[in-house]
N, C-alpha and C. Protein backbone atom coordinates (compact mmCIF):
# COMPACT_ATOMS: atom_id res chain seq x y z
N MET A 1 0.80 -1.11 -0.05
CA MET A 1 -0.06 -0.04 -0.02
C MET A 1 0.90 1.23 0.00
N GLN A 2 0.46 2.20 -0.71
CA GLN A 2 1.29 3.50 -0.92
C GLN A 2 0.91 4.48 0.12
N VAL A 3 1.81 5.04 0.83
CA VAL A 3 1.61 5.99 1.92
C VAL A 3 1.30 7.31 1.21
N PRO A 4 0.10 8.02 1.50
CA PRO A 4 -0.17 9.34 0.90
C PRO A 4 0.88 10.46 1.33
N SER A 5 1.31 11.20 0.34
CA SER A 5 2.20 12.29 0.74
C SER A 5 1.36 13.52 1.33
N PRO A 6 2.01 14.35 2.05
CA PRO A 6 1.39 15.57 2.58
C PRO A 6 0.77 16.43 1.53
N LYS A 7 1.31 16.38 0.40
CA LYS A 7 0.86 17.24 -0.71
C LYS A 7 -0.53 16.79 -1.19
N ASP A 8 -0.89 15.52 -0.93
CA ASP A 8 -2.17 15.02 -1.43
C ASP A 8 -3.20 15.52 -0.46
N ASP A 9 -2.89 15.89 0.72
CA ASP A 9 -3.84 16.45 1.73
C ASP A 9 -4.31 17.78 1.25
N LEU A 10 -5.61 18.03 1.30
CA LEU A 10 -6.20 19.27 1.02
C LEU A 10 -5.82 20.48 1.92
N ASN A 11 -5.53 20.12 3.12
CA ASN A 11 -5.21 21.07 4.12
C ASN A 11 -3.72 21.44 4.16
N TYR A 12 -2.93 20.81 3.29
CA TYR A 12 -1.43 20.92 3.32
C TYR A 12 -1.03 22.38 2.75
N ILE A 13 -0.27 23.08 3.52
CA ILE A 13 0.15 24.42 3.01
C ILE A 13 1.77 24.36 3.20
N SER A 14 2.42 24.69 2.07
CA SER A 14 3.91 24.73 2.02
C SER A 14 4.42 25.82 2.83
N LEU A 15 5.68 25.80 3.24
CA LEU A 15 6.31 26.81 4.02
C LEU A 15 6.40 28.13 3.26
N THR A 16 6.61 28.00 2.00
CA THR A 16 6.58 29.27 1.21
C THR A 16 5.17 29.92 1.12
N GLN A 17 4.24 29.15 1.18
CA GLN A 17 2.89 29.75 1.15
C GLN A 17 2.59 30.51 2.50
N VAL A 18 3.01 29.84 3.57
CA VAL A 18 2.77 30.32 5.02
C VAL A 18 3.69 31.70 5.06
N THR A 19 4.87 31.70 4.44
CA THR A 19 5.70 32.83 4.53
C THR A 19 5.03 34.00 3.74
N GLN A 20 4.54 33.69 2.57
CA GLN A 20 3.88 34.69 1.72
C GLN A 20 2.66 35.24 2.41
N ILE A 21 1.91 34.47 3.09
CA ILE A 21 0.69 34.85 3.85
C ILE A 21 1.11 35.76 4.86
N LEU A 22 2.10 35.34 5.67
CA LEU A 22 2.62 36.28 6.64
C LEU A 22 3.18 37.60 6.32
N MET A 23 3.91 37.51 5.19
CA MET A 23 4.47 38.87 4.68
C MET A 23 3.38 39.80 4.18
N LYS A 24 2.28 39.22 3.62
CA LYS A 24 1.15 40.04 3.19
C LYS A 24 0.47 40.64 4.32
N LYS A 25 0.26 39.84 5.40
CA LYS A 25 -0.40 40.35 6.62
C LYS A 25 0.43 41.42 7.24
N ILE A 26 1.78 41.25 7.33
CA ILE A 26 2.67 42.19 7.94
C ILE A 26 2.62 43.54 7.16
N LEU A 27 2.60 43.37 5.75
CA LEU A 27 2.57 44.53 4.83
C LEU A 27 1.22 45.31 5.15
N LEU A 28 0.14 44.51 5.22
CA LEU A 28 -1.05 45.13 5.42
C LEU A 28 -1.22 45.95 6.72
N VAL A 29 -0.66 45.25 7.80
CA VAL A 29 -0.58 45.94 9.09
C VAL A 29 0.20 47.21 9.04
N SER A 30 1.39 47.09 8.46
CA SER A 30 2.24 48.32 8.43
C SER A 30 1.68 49.40 7.58
N ILE A 31 0.98 49.07 6.57
CA ILE A 31 0.31 50.11 5.88
C ILE A 31 -0.90 50.75 6.64
N ILE A 32 -1.71 49.99 7.24
CA ILE A 32 -2.68 50.51 8.20
C ILE A 32 -2.08 51.32 9.26
N ALA A 33 -0.97 50.96 9.89
CA ALA A 33 -0.34 51.71 10.97
C ALA A 33 0.22 53.07 10.30
N LEU A 34 0.72 53.06 9.06
CA LEU A 34 1.20 54.31 8.50
C LEU A 34 0.02 55.26 8.25
N ILE A 35 -1.07 54.74 7.82
CA ILE A 35 -2.30 55.52 7.57
C ILE A 35 -2.71 56.12 8.86
N LEU A 36 -2.75 55.36 9.93
CA LEU A 36 -3.12 55.93 11.30
C LEU A 36 -2.22 57.04 11.73
N VAL A 37 -0.89 56.72 11.56
CA VAL A 37 0.07 57.82 12.02
C VAL A 37 -0.06 59.14 11.20
N LEU A 38 -0.30 58.92 9.90
CA LEU A 38 -0.56 60.11 9.12
C LEU A 38 -1.87 60.89 9.40
N THR A 39 -2.83 60.12 9.77
CA THR A 39 -4.15 60.69 10.08
C THR A 39 -3.93 61.47 11.43
N ALA A 40 -3.31 60.81 12.39
CA ALA A 40 -3.04 61.51 13.67
C ALA A 40 -2.17 62.78 13.42
N LEU A 41 -1.19 62.65 12.55
CA LEU A 41 -0.47 63.88 12.33
C LEU A 41 -1.17 64.95 11.65
N VAL A 42 -2.04 64.64 10.76
CA VAL A 42 -2.88 65.70 10.19
C VAL A 42 -3.86 66.32 11.25
N CYS A 43 -4.40 65.55 12.05
CA CYS A 43 -5.19 66.06 13.15
C CYS A 43 -4.43 66.86 14.10
N TYR A 44 -3.22 66.50 14.43
CA TYR A 44 -2.27 67.28 15.29
C TYR A 44 -1.97 68.68 14.73
N MET A 45 -1.75 68.68 13.35
CA MET A 45 -1.26 69.94 12.64
C MET A 45 -2.56 70.75 12.62
N ARG A 46 -3.75 70.35 12.39
CA ARG A 46 -4.97 71.10 12.46
C ARG A 46 -5.16 71.78 13.88
N TYR A 47 -5.04 70.87 14.86
CA TYR A 47 -5.08 71.38 16.25
C TYR A 47 -4.14 72.51 16.58
N ALA A 48 -2.87 72.27 16.11
CA ALA A 48 -1.75 73.15 16.45
C ALA A 48 -2.07 74.43 15.53
N LYS A 49 -2.67 74.35 14.41
CA LYS A 49 -2.99 75.59 13.70
C LYS A 49 -4.03 76.43 14.38
N LEU A 50 -5.04 75.71 15.00
CA LEU A 50 -6.04 76.42 15.75
C LEU A 50 -5.52 77.07 16.93
N LYS A 51 -4.57 76.32 17.61
CA LYS A 51 -3.96 76.87 18.89
C LYS A 51 -3.08 78.10 18.71
N GLU A 52 -2.10 77.81 17.78
CA GLU A 52 -1.05 78.84 17.41
C GLU A 52 -0.52 78.44 16.10
N LYS A 53 0.10 79.47 15.42
CA LYS A 53 0.75 79.09 14.08
C LYS A 53 2.01 78.45 14.41
N PRO A 54 2.28 77.28 13.91
CA PRO A 54 3.50 76.67 14.07
C PRO A 54 4.71 77.30 13.49
N SER A 55 5.78 77.36 14.16
CA SER A 55 7.02 78.08 13.62
C SER A 55 7.64 77.21 12.55
N GLU A 56 8.52 77.85 11.75
CA GLU A 56 9.33 77.16 10.81
C GLU A 56 10.08 76.06 11.38
N ILE A 57 10.67 76.17 12.59
CA ILE A 57 11.47 75.19 13.20
C ILE A 57 10.62 73.89 13.49
N LYS A 58 9.38 74.15 14.02
CA LYS A 58 8.55 72.96 14.32
C LYS A 58 8.16 72.30 12.97
N MET A 59 7.88 73.04 11.98
CA MET A 59 7.62 72.25 10.64
C MET A 59 8.90 71.57 10.19
N LEU A 60 10.01 72.03 10.30
CA LEU A 60 11.17 71.46 9.85
C LEU A 60 11.42 70.07 10.63
N ASN A 61 11.15 70.14 11.89
CA ASN A 61 11.33 69.07 12.81
C ASN A 61 10.29 68.00 12.34
N LEU A 62 9.10 68.50 12.05
CA LEU A 62 8.03 67.54 11.59
C LEU A 62 8.38 66.81 10.32
N LEU A 63 8.94 67.53 9.39
CA LEU A 63 9.39 66.99 8.12
C LEU A 63 10.50 65.99 8.34
N LEU A 64 11.38 66.23 9.16
CA LEU A 64 12.46 65.34 9.50
C LEU A 64 11.95 64.08 10.10
N TYR A 65 10.96 64.26 11.00
CA TYR A 65 10.30 63.15 11.67
C TYR A 65 9.61 62.21 10.61
N LEU A 66 8.98 62.77 9.61
CA LEU A 66 8.39 62.01 8.54
C LEU A 66 9.36 61.25 7.72
N LEU A 67 10.45 61.92 7.45
CA LEU A 67 11.58 61.29 6.58
C LEU A 67 12.02 60.10 7.31
N GLN A 68 12.29 60.24 8.59
CA GLN A 68 12.71 59.06 9.40
C GLN A 68 11.76 57.98 9.43
N LEU A 69 10.35 58.16 9.50
CA LEU A 69 9.44 57.21 9.55
C LEU A 69 9.44 56.48 8.25
N ARG A 70 9.64 57.27 7.14
CA ARG A 70 9.68 56.59 5.78
C ARG A 70 10.87 55.67 5.56
N LYS A 71 12.02 56.20 6.09
CA LYS A 71 13.28 55.22 6.15
C LYS A 71 13.08 54.07 6.91
N LEU A 72 12.36 54.19 8.02
CA LEU A 72 12.15 53.07 8.92
C LEU A 72 11.19 52.02 8.24
N GLN A 73 10.16 52.55 7.55
CA GLN A 73 9.23 51.73 6.83
C GLN A 73 9.98 51.02 5.65
N LEU A 74 10.82 51.69 4.94
CA LEU A 74 11.61 51.05 3.82
C LEU A 74 12.55 49.99 4.40
N SER A 75 13.22 50.21 5.57
CA SER A 75 14.16 49.19 6.01
C SER A 75 13.35 47.99 6.57
N TYR A 76 12.16 48.34 7.09
CA TYR A 76 11.35 47.27 7.69
C TYR A 76 10.80 46.36 6.50
N ARG A 77 10.57 46.91 5.41
CA ARG A 77 10.00 46.22 4.17
C ARG A 77 11.19 45.45 3.64
N GLY A 78 12.42 45.91 3.63
CA GLY A 78 13.63 45.33 3.07
C GLY A 78 13.94 44.04 3.87
N LEU A 79 13.60 44.04 5.17
CA LEU A 79 13.91 42.81 5.98
C LEU A 79 13.09 41.53 5.52
N PHE A 80 11.82 41.88 4.98
CA PHE A 80 10.87 40.69 4.56
C PHE A 80 10.93 40.44 3.14
N PHE A 81 11.10 41.48 2.33
CA PHE A 81 11.09 41.27 0.85
C PHE A 81 12.44 41.27 0.24
N GLY A 82 13.51 41.33 0.98
CA GLY A 82 14.83 41.12 0.30
C GLY A 82 15.30 42.33 -0.22
């Protein structure tokens, strides 16, 4: 009698499929987190505009912070997608 291989089982998922699913979920979560951070940033900027006009130094610091977030996201993506 022949022993059935795991690939014959309908519930069998290869390691590459599991890895692809995990990478897609991680990418989705990171995109959602980025959207939430940007939304919070826009809300904060509107609040700051109502409270007082932000100075050029504050805006420069904010832009530098956004660039650092972008670099972090790209390096995070590079870890999983090579």
